[in-house]
Amino acid sequence: MSITIPQEYLKAAGMTEKDLKLEIALIFYQRRVISIGKAAQLAGVSRWDFQQAMKTRKIPVNYDISELMDDVKTLGL
């Protein structure tokens, strides 16, 4: 799917296309629509850079108790 946003709107917002992709990916991740890896891919950045953007915006990592238990089981602890 493609969305066309006129350049004038990005310019008015002081954003580039890359900035907008990052913002959309952050929203999707924060709402638990996509994983952190998929969000980074959507934004076109590394996972590390995506996590840095999350840190800047104080967006917590989506990690619940069931994921912790799965990790503990995988690690054999």
PDB file of N, CA and C in Angstrom:
ATOM      1  N   MET A   1       0.842  -1.167   0.000  1.00  0.00           N
ATOM      2  CA  MET A   1       0.000   0.000   0.000  1.00  0.00           C
ATOM      3  C   MET A   1       0.889   1.233   0.000  1.00  0.00           C
ATOM      4  N   SER A   2       0.490   2.205  -0.733  1.00  0.00           N
ATOM      5  CA  SER A   2       1.220   3.471  -0.780  1.00  0.00           C
ATOM      6  C   SER A   2       0.311   4.607  -0.343  1.00  0.00           C
ATOM      7  N   ILE A   3       0.894   5.523   0.386  1.00  0.00           N
ATOM      8  CA  ILE A   3       0.184   6.730   0.798  1.00  0.00           C
ATOM      9  C   ILE A   3       0.965   7.912   0.270  1.00  0.00           C
ATOM     10  N   THR A   4       0.283   8.810  -0.366  1.00  0.00           N
ATOM     11  CA  THR A   4       0.933  10.004  -0.890  1.00  0.00           C
ATOM     12  C   THR A   4       0.606  11.186   0.014  1.00  0.00           C
ATOM     13  N   ILE A   5       1.645  11.761   0.561  1.00  0.00           N
ATOM     14  CA  ILE A   5       1.494  12.951   1.395  1.00  0.00           C
ATOM     15  C   ILE A   5       2.228  14.083   0.684  1.00  0.00           C
ATOM     16  N   PRO A   6       1.513  15.122   0.331  1.00  0.00           N
ATOM     17  CA  PRO A   6       2.159  16.229  -0.368  1.00  0.00           C
ATOM     18  C   PRO A   6       3.357  16.787   0.412  1.00  0.00           C
ATOM     19  N   GLN A   7       4.390  17.081  -0.301  1.00  0.00           N
ATOM     20  CA  GLN A   7       5.634  17.580   0.295  1.00  0.00           C
ATOM     21  C   GLN A   7       5.380  18.810   1.159  1.00  0.00           C
ATOM     22  N   GLU A   8       4.410  19.618   0.804  1.00  0.00           N
ATOM     23  CA  GLU A   8       4.128  20.849   1.556  1.00  0.00           C
ATOM     24  C   GLU A   8       3.752  20.544   3.015  1.00  0.00           C
ATOM     25  N   TYR A   9       3.079  19.401   3.247  1.00  0.00           N
ATOM     26  CA  TYR A   9       2.711  19.038   4.612  1.00  0.00           C
ATOM     27  C   TYR A   9       3.934  18.618   5.422  1.00  0.00           C
ATOM     28  N   LEU A  10       4.809  17.861   4.788  1.00  0.00           N
ATOM     29  CA  LEU A  10       6.045  17.473   5.469  1.00  0.00           C
ATOM     30  C   LEU A  10       6.884  18.702   5.778  1.00  0.00           C
ATOM     31  N   LYS A  11       6.963  19.589   4.816  1.00  0.00           N
ATOM     32  CA  LYS A  11       7.747  20.807   4.998  1.00  0.00           C
ATOM     33  C   LYS A  11       7.166  21.650   6.134  1.00  0.00           C
ATOM     34  N   ALA A  12       5.844  21.765   6.169  1.00  0.00           N
ATOM     35  CA  ALA A  12       5.188  22.539   7.229  1.00  0.00           C
ATOM     36  C   ALA A  12       5.434  21.922   8.605  1.00  0.00           C
ATOM     37  N   ALA A  13       5.529  20.607   8.645  1.00  0.00           N
ATOM     38  CA  ALA A  13       5.782  19.900   9.905  1.00  0.00           C
ATOM     39  C   ALA A  13       7.269  19.854  10.240  1.00  0.00           C
ATOM     40  N   GLY A  14       8.117  20.300   9.312  1.00  0.00           N
ATOM     41  CA  GLY A  14       9.559  20.252   9.528  1.00  0.00           C
ATOM     42  C   GLY A  14      10.097  18.835   9.521  1.00  0.00           C
ATOM     43  N   MET A  15       9.466  17.980   8.699  1.00  0.00           N
ATOM     44  CA  MET A  15       9.840  16.570   8.654  1.00  0.00           C
ATOM     45  C   MET A  15      10.266  16.162   7.255  1.00  0.00           C
ATOM     46  N   THR A  16      11.070  15.120   7.229  1.00  0.00           N
ATOM     47  CA  THR A  16      11.416  14.483   5.966  1.00  0.00           C
ATOM     48  C   THR A  16      10.565  13.222   5.837  1.00  0.00           C
ATOM     49  N   GLU A  17      10.625  12.582   4.695  1.00  0.00           N
ATOM     50  CA  GLU A  17       9.917  11.316   4.502  1.00  0.00           C
ATOM     51  C   GLU A  17      10.428  10.274   5.503  1.00  0.00           C
ATOM     52  N   LYS A  18      11.732  10.279   5.727  1.00  0.00           N
ATOM     53  CA  LYS A  18      12.329   9.336   6.676  1.00  0.00           C
ATOM     54  C   LYS A  18      11.819   9.590   8.095  1.00  0.00           C
ATOM     55  N   ASP A  19      11.707  10.869   8.477  1.00  0.00           N
ATOM     56  CA  ASP A  19      11.170  11.215   9.796  1.00  0.00           C
ATOM     57  C   ASP A  19       9.746  10.686   9.958  1.00  0.00           C
ATOM     58  N   LEU A  20       8.939  10.852   8.930  1.00  0.00           N
ATOM     59  CA  LEU A  20       7.550  10.402   8.981  1.00  0.00           C
ATOM     60  C   LEU A  20       7.460   8.890   9.109  1.00  0.00           C
ATOM     61  N   LYS A  21       8.286   8.176   8.358  1.00  0.00           N
ATOM     62  CA  LYS A  21       8.292   6.715   8.454  1.00  0.00           C
ATOM     63  C   LYS A  21       8.646   6.274   9.877  1.00  0.00           C
ATOM     64  N   LEU A  22       9.614   6.943  10.481  1.00  0.00           N
ATOM     65  CA  LEU A  22      10.009   6.620  11.849  1.00  0.00           C
ATOM     66  C   LEU A  22       8.847   6.875  12.809  1.00  0.00           C
ATOM     67  N   GLU A  23       8.187   8.005  12.666  1.00  0.00           N
ATOM     68  CA  GLU A  23       7.065   8.335  13.549  1.00  0.00           C
ATOM     69  C   GLU A  23       5.938   7.319  13.427  1.00  0.00           C
ATOM     70  N   ILE A  24       5.627   6.918  12.213  1.00  0.00           N
ATOM     71  CA  ILE A  24       4.573   5.919  11.994  1.00  0.00           C
ATOM     72  C   ILE A  24       4.977   4.589  12.629  1.00  0.00           C
ATOM     73  N   ALA A  25       6.225   4.193  12.428  1.00  0.00           N
ATOM     74  CA  ALA A  25       6.711   2.937  13.002  1.00  0.00           C
ATOM     75  C   ALA A  25       6.666   2.980  14.527  1.00  0.00           C
ATOM     76  N   LEU A  26       7.024   4.106  15.113  1.00  0.00           N
ATOM     77  CA  LEU A  26       6.978   4.250  16.568  1.00  0.00           C
ATOM     78  C   LEU A  26       5.548   4.130  17.088  1.00  0.00           C
ATOM     79  N   ILE A  27       4.620   4.742  16.396  1.00  0.00           N
ATOM     80  CA  ILE A  27       3.205   4.647  16.795  1.00  0.00           C
ATOM     81  C   ILE A  27       2.723   3.209  16.701  1.00  0.00           C
ATOM     82  N   PHE A  28       3.019   2.540  15.601  1.00  0.00           N
ATOM     83  CA  PHE A  28       2.602   1.145  15.440  1.00  0.00           C
ATOM     84  C   PHE A  28       3.199   0.267  16.544  1.00  0.00           C
ATOM     85  N   TYR A  29       4.477   0.492  16.854  1.00  0.00           N
ATOM     86  CA  TYR A  29       5.122  -0.302  17.898  1.00  0.00           C
ATOM     87  C   TYR A  29       4.499  -0.001  19.261  1.00  0.00           C
ATOM     88  N   GLN A  30       4.320   1.271  19.559  1.00  0.00           N
ATOM     89  CA  GLN A  30       3.773   1.672  20.852  1.00  0.00           C
ATOM     90  C   GLN A  30       2.367   1.103  21.061  1.00  0.00           C
ATOM     91  N   ARG A  31       1.613   0.988  19.995  1.00  0.00           N
ATOM     92  CA  ARG A  31       0.253   0.432  20.078  1.00  0.00           C
ATOM     93  C   ARG A  31       0.247  -1.093  19.985  1.00  0.00           C
ATOM     94  N   ARG A  32       1.445  -1.679  19.920  1.00  0.00           N
ATOM     95  CA  ARG A  32       1.617  -3.139  19.847  1.00  0.00           C
ATOM     96  C   ARG A  32       1.025  -3.755  18.582  1.00  0.00           C
ATOM     97  N   VAL A  33       1.068  -2.984  17.501  1.00  0.00           N
ATOM     98  CA  VAL A  33       0.584  -3.470  16.209  1.00  0.00           C
ATOM     99  C   VAL A  33       1.652  -4.315  15.527  1.00  0.00           C
ATOM    100  N   ILE A  34       2.921  -3.927  15.704  1.00  0.00           N
ATOM    101  CA  ILE A  34       4.044  -4.640  15.095  1.00  0.00           C
ATOM    102  C   ILE A  34       5.167  -4.797  16.110  1.00  0.00           C
ATOM    103  N   SER A  35       6.049  -5.738  15.832  1.00  0.00           N
ATOM    104  CA  SER A  35       7.195  -5.990  16.711  1.00  0.00           C
ATOM    105  C   SER A  35       8.255  -4.907  16.535  1.00  0.00           C
ATOM    106  N   ILE A  36       9.201  -4.907  17.415  1.00  0.00           N
ATOM    107  CA  ILE A  36      10.283  -3.926  17.336  1.00  0.00           C
ATOM    108  C   ILE A  36      11.116  -4.116  16.061  1.00  0.00           C
ATOM    109  N   GLY A  37      11.334  -5.371  15.673  1.00  0.00           N
ATOM    110  CA  GLY A  37      12.092  -5.641  14.449  1.00  0.00           C
ATOM    111  C   GLY A  37      11.360  -5.152  13.206  1.00  0.00           C
ATOM    112  N   LYS A  38      10.059  -5.424  13.156  1.00  0.00           N
ATOM    113  CA  LYS A  38       9.249  -4.971  12.018  1.00  0.00           C
ATOM    114  C   LYS A  38       9.151  -3.450  12.000  1.00  0.00           C
ATOM    115  N   ALA A  39       9.063  -2.845  13.174  1.00  0.00           N
ATOM    116  CA  ALA A  39       8.987  -1.385  13.251  1.00  0.00           C
ATOM    117  C   ALA A  39      10.272  -0.743  12.728  1.00  0.00           C
ATOM    118  N   ALA A  40      11.401  -1.305  13.114  1.00  0.00           N
ATOM    119  CA  ALA A  40      12.685  -0.787  12.621  1.00  0.00           C
ATOM    120  C   ALA A  40      12.760  -0.936  11.107  1.00  0.00           C
ATOM    121  N   GLN A  41      12.307  -2.081  10.619  1.00  0.00           N
ATOM    122  CA  GLN A  41      12.311  -2.325   9.174  1.00  0.00           C
ATOM    123  C   GLN A  41      11.407  -1.323   8.456  1.00  0.00           C
ATOM    124  N   LEU A  42      10.218  -1.078   8.997  1.00  0.00           N
ATOM    125  CA  LEU A  42       9.300  -0.104   8.401  1.00  0.00           C
ATOM    126  C   LEU A  42       9.919   1.289   8.367  1.00  0.00           C
ATOM    127  N   ALA A  43      10.618   1.635   9.442  1.00  0.00           N
ATOM    128  CA  ALA A  43      11.253   2.950   9.526  1.00  0.00           C
ATOM    129  C   ALA A  43      12.489   3.070   8.644  1.00  0.00           C
ATOM    130  N   GLY A  44      13.026   1.910   8.240  1.00  0.00           N
ATOM    131  CA  GLY A  44      14.227   1.934   7.410  1.00  0.00           C
ATOM    132  C   GLY A  44      15.486   2.234   8.193  1.00  0.00           C
ATOM    133  N   VAL A  45      15.482   1.825   9.478  1.00  0.00           N
ATOM    134  CA  VAL A  45      16.642   2.057  10.336  1.00  0.00           C
ATOM    135  C   VAL A  45      17.034   0.745  11.005  1.00  0.00           C
ATOM    136  N   SER A  46      18.201   0.732  11.612  1.00  0.00           N
ATOM    137  CA  SER A  46      18.623  -0.454  12.357  1.00  0.00           C
ATOM    138  C   SER A  46      17.787  -0.571  13.627  1.00  0.00           C
ATOM    139  N   ARG A  47      17.778  -1.757  14.192  1.00  0.00           N
ATOM    140  CA  ARG A  47      17.047  -1.956  15.442  1.00  0.00           C
ATOM    141  C   ARG A  47      17.629  -1.061  16.536  1.00  0.00           C
ATOM    142  N   TRP A  48      18.933  -0.939  16.556  1.00  0.00           N
ATOM    143  CA  TRP A  48      19.604  -0.071  17.533  1.00  0.00           C
ATOM    144  C   TRP A  48      19.117   1.371  17.404  1.00  0.00           C
ATOM    145  N   ASP A  49      19.094   1.895  16.182  1.00  0.00           N
ATOM    146  CA  ASP A  49      18.636   3.271  15.965  1.00  0.00           C
ATOM    147  C   ASP A  49      17.169   3.435  16.355  1.00  0.00           C
ATOM    148  N   PHE A  50      16.373   2.397  16.069  1.00  0.00           N
ATOM    149  CA  PHE A  50      14.964   2.461  16.442  1.00  0.00           C
ATOM    150  C   PHE A  50      14.828   2.516  17.963  1.00  0.00           C
ATOM    151  N   GLN A  51      15.611   1.702  18.652  1.00  0.00           N
ATOM    152  CA  GLN A  51      15.555   1.707  20.113  1.00  0.00           C
ATOM    153  C   GLN A  51      16.033   3.041  20.684  1.00  0.00           C
ATOM    154  N   GLN A  52      16.979   3.681  20.020  1.00  0.00           N
ATOM    155  CA  GLN A  52      17.429   5.003  20.462  1.00  0.00           C
ATOM    156  C   GLN A  52      16.300   6.025  20.303  1.00  0.00           C
ATOM    157  N   ALA A  53      15.552   5.925  19.208  1.00  0.00           N
ATOM    158  CA  ALA A  53      14.398   6.817  18.989  1.00  0.00           C
ATOM    159  C   ALA A  53      13.340   6.559  20.062  1.00  0.00           C
ATOM    160  N   MET A  54      13.151   5.294  20.427  1.00  0.00           N
ATOM    161  CA  MET A  54      12.209   4.965  21.499  1.00  0.00           C
ATOM    162  C   MET A  54      12.659   5.610  22.808  1.00  0.00           C
ATOM    163  N   LYS A  55      13.944   5.508  23.084  1.00  0.00           N
ATOM    164  CA  LYS A  55      14.497   6.066  24.320  1.00  0.00           C
ATOM    165  C   LYS A  55      14.279   7.577  24.367  1.00  0.00           C
ATOM    166  N   THR A  56      14.544   8.247  23.261  1.00  0.00           N
ATOM    167  CA  THR A  56      14.374   9.694  23.187  1.00  0.00           C
ATOM    168  C   THR A  56      12.934  10.101  23.490  1.00  0.00           C
ATOM    169  N   ARG A  57      11.987   9.282  23.027  1.00  0.00           N
ATOM    170  CA  ARG A  57      10.559   9.585  23.207  1.00  0.00           C
ATOM    171  C   ARG A  57       9.963   8.914  24.441  1.00  0.00           C
ATOM    172  N   LYS A  58      10.827   8.251  25.217  1.00  0.00           N
ATOM    173  CA  LYS A  58      10.402   7.558  26.434  1.00  0.00           C
ATOM    174  C   LYS A  58       9.314   6.513  26.162  1.00  0.00           C
ATOM    175  N   ILE A  59       9.497   5.748  25.092  1.00  0.00           N
ATOM    176  CA  ILE A  59       8.594   4.657  24.743  1.00  0.00           C
ATOM    177  C   ILE A  59       9.192   3.371  25.297  1.00  0.00           C
ATOM    178  N   PRO A  60       8.491   2.709  26.211  1.00  0.00           N
ATOM    179  CA  PRO A  60       9.049   1.492  26.796  1.00  0.00           C
ATOM    180  C   PRO A  60       9.040   0.314  25.820  1.00  0.00           C
ATOM    181  N   VAL A  61       9.930  -0.624  26.074  1.00  0.00           N
ATOM    182  CA  VAL A  61       9.986  -1.851  25.282  1.00  0.00           C
ATOM    183  C   VAL A  61       8.768  -2.689  25.644  1.00  0.00           C
ATOM    184  N   ASN A  62       8.081  -3.222  24.645  1.00  0.00           N
ATOM    185  CA  ASN A  62       6.941  -4.114  24.875  1.00  0.00           C
ATOM    186  C   ASN A  62       7.480  -5.487  25.254  1.00  0.00           C
ATOM    187  N   TYR A  63       7.433  -5.780  26.525  1.00  0.00           N
ATOM    188  CA  TYR A  63       7.976  -7.048  27.013  1.00  0.00           C
ATOM    189  C   TYR A  63       7.162  -7.422  28.239  1.00  0.00           C
ATOM    190  N   ASP A  64       6.324  -8.420  28.108  1.00  0.00           N
ATOM    191  CA  ASP A  64       5.468  -8.779  29.229  1.00  0.00           C
ATOM    192  C   ASP A  64       5.954 -10.054  29.913  1.00  0.00           C
ATOM    193  N   ILE A  65       5.257 -10.436  30.957  1.00  0.00           N
ATOM    194  CA  ILE A  65       5.674 -11.582  31.774  1.00  0.00           C
ATOM    195  C   ILE A  65       5.704 -12.882  30.979  1.00  0.00           C
ATOM    196  N   SER A  66       4.774 -13.056  30.041  1.00  0.00           N
ATOM    197  CA  SER A  66       4.777 -14.296  29.249  1.00  0.00           C
ATOM    198  C   SER A  66       6.018 -14.379  28.365  1.00  0.00           C
ATOM    199  N   GLU A  67       6.463 -13.235  27.837  1.00  0.00           N
ATOM    200  CA  GLU A  67       7.693 -13.222  27.042  1.00  0.00           C
ATOM    201  C   GLU A  67       8.907 -13.515  27.930  1.00  0.00           C
ATOM    202  N   LEU A  68       8.900 -12.988  29.146  1.00  0.00           N
ATOM    203  CA  LEU A  68       9.978 -13.268  30.082  1.00  0.00           C
ATOM    204  C   LEU A  68      10.031 -14.762  30.390  1.00  0.00           C
ATOM    205  N   MET A  69       8.882 -15.353  30.652  1.00  0.00           N
ATOM    206  CA  MET A  69       8.839 -16.776  30.961  1.00  0.00           C
ATOM    207  C   MET A  69       9.316 -17.612  29.778  1.00  0.00           C
ATOM    208  N   ASP A  70       8.945 -17.212  28.565  1.00  0.00           N
ATOM    209  CA  ASP A  70       9.423 -17.914  27.365  1.00  0.00           C
ATOM    210  C   ASP A  70      10.946 -17.825  27.266  1.00  0.00           C
ATOM    211  N   ASP A  71      11.484 -16.636  27.550  1.00  0.00           N
ATOM    212  CA  ASP A  71      12.942 -16.463  27.491  1.00  0.00           C
ATOM    213  C   ASP A  71      13.638 -17.305  28.564  1.00  0.00           C
ATOM    214  N   VAL A  72      13.081 -17.343  29.751  1.00  0.00           N
ATOM    215  CA  VAL A  72      13.653 -18.150  30.828  1.00  0.00           C
ATOM    216  C   VAL A  72      13.654 -19.621  30.425  1.00  0.00           C
ATOM    217  N   LYS A  73      12.541 -20.075  29.847  1.00  0.00           N
ATOM    218  CA  LYS A  73      12.429 -21.465  29.405  1.00  0.00           C
ATOM    219  C   LYS A  73      13.452 -21.762  28.305  1.00  0.00           C
ATOM    220  N   THR A  74      13.589 -20.849  27.349  1.00  0.00           N
ATOM    221  CA  THR A  74      14.539 -21.023  26.254  1.00  0.00           C
ATOM    222  C   THR A  74      15.968 -21.106  26.768  1.00  0.00           C
ATOM    223  N   LEU A  75      16.266 -20.291  27.771  1.00  0.00           N
ATOM    224  CA  LEU A  75      17.623 -20.266  28.341  1.00  0.00           C
ATOM    225  C   LEU A  75      17.866 -21.431  29.304  1.00  0.00           C
ATOM    226  N   GLY A  76      16.804 -22.159  29.654  1.00  0.00           N
ATOM    227  CA  GLY A  76      16.944 -23.304  30.557  1.00  0.00           C
ATOM    228  C   GLY A  76      17.201 -22.903  31.992  1.00  0.00           C
ATOM    229  N   LEU A  77      16.717 -21.759  32.369  1.00  0.00           N
ATOM    230  CA  LEU A  77      16.930 -21.290  33.753  1.00  0.00           C
ATOM    231  C   LEU A  77      15.809 -21.714  34.675  1.00  0.00           C
TER     232      LEU A  77
END
